[in-house]
Amino acid sequence: MIINEKAIAHYLKDPDPGSVAEITGKALGLKGLSLAETAKLLLTEDEKQTEIIFKAARTVKERVYGNRLVLFAPLYTTNECANNCLYCAFRKDNEQLKRKTLSLEEIRQEVVVLEAQGHKRILLVAGEDTKSAGISNLKEMIRTIYQTKNGCGEIRRVNVNVAPLSIEDFKTLKGTGIGTYQLFQETYHRETYKLCHPSGPKADYEYRLNAMDRALQAGIEDVGIGALFGLYDYKFEVLALLSHAQHLDNIYNVGPHTISVPRLEPALGAPLAARPPHPVSNLEFKKLVAILRLAVPYTGIILSTRETAELRDEIFSLGVSQISAGSRTDPGGYSQQKAGAQFELYDNRSTAQVIEDVLKLGYIPSFCTACYRLGRTGEDFMSLAKPGEIHNFCLPNALLTLKEYLLDYAPAKVRSAGEKLIHKQVDIIRDPNLKELTRKKLRELEEGQRDCYF
């Protein structure tokens, strides 16, 4: 059983694994935490002990991923959907929503806009629409994205967030050259799941839950999981996410490449979105991000533009390693082809503004896609991420992609701030050979080369 609700309830009632100081001390060893240890941290309400958790999370994030933040943008191809999820504006019975499915040419137009912003990673997102979301259509959409070029702009990695597939279809999806296959269970609590998904293919809890097993069995090496916080008790969802991660790691020796932490926000015509059944406060949200960082230290934690710019800035240090920037959740939103959005966004900064603010905070905005094209995926990636060695590649590659952005897209003041950060961060690279190679590749970028990486 992947999700044992009775066991989770037991841990949340009586975890008894030791003190917060002992648990966070163990977490600093980058070995992760048990369900009982994680429950102990989730149940902690004391302000001083919570700060101990936050401090440990900052340290673990720095040890594994350094001070970089990988940027991406979601690309919604349709808001038509066969499901009736009560928290989503795309739900089938929502008559208030203006529907739109992008043609391949319209997808190309969206990609051109994103490339002009400097994006190199796209997350392809679609409602579960039987007319357009079949595997043959997915292949064509992904091919179109990869083939669309705009001057120096190109998309080097397409991640995919679409409905669960069969093993055979996952094999076909792998052949398109995707990066991570991403799918959220939304809520792992079975009774709540049933209430939230009254009709449509998504009503099948087990088929959705087992999608990551099928994807890994089909040869997709990187998978991303997540929960929609606000549907059920966030403490339960965190332990369920950890249970899912441990299952994948135990069976396939590959835990989730990413864990996403979206929080339920208002959405047009979605009754649950207006009044979340289990609202999560900002403090609780920061706490759950920090605890996930300690419990699953190797995974990338993704923070979306659902949250305000101010809160996102606060949470970066607590464990986040990937962020969306300049996002639109309506099909055609980047090229101004107006249609209904999935939910409200609270960080409406442009990509350039996000990068400027990230630089001010001392983080490295990264567009790196090196690991996926060099085969550092699946078990190979985990062998570097779990002991905290992946940052040896992340830092120089982040600097190279930042340099490329500064040369091709950045406003003058952003370029100046970015150059100062690059100069400072190159000196931090410990390996003298790698440091010199990084400087060499930075010079090559200045001379006109592009897509330099290790």
Foldseek 3Di string as FASTA:
>chain_A
DLADPVVLVVLLVPLPPDDLLVLLVVLLQLPFDDSSSLSNLLPDDDPVSLVVLQVSLLNLQCLFANQAAEEEEEAEQWLAAQWQFLQWCSGNPNPVWFTDGDDLVLLLVLLLLVQLQVAQEYEYEYHHDPVQPDLVNVLSNLVSQQPRAHVPGGHPAYEYEYAFDALVSLLSVVVSLHAEHEYELQAPDLVLLCVRTVDDPNNPSVSRLCSVVSNVVSPRQAYEYEYAPLSDDVSSRLSSLLSSQVVCCVPQVFGHQEYEYHYQAAFRSRVCSVPRPGHADLSSSLSSQLSSCSRNVLHAYEYEQQDAPVSVLVNSSSGHRYYYFQYFQHNSVSVPPDTGGTHDGRHNDHRQVSLQVSLVSLGQHANDPPCSVVVCGHNNVCVCSSSSNCNLFNQLRSLQSLLLCLVNHHDPVSNVSSVVSSVVSLVVNDDPVVSVVSVVSSVVVVVPDDDDGD
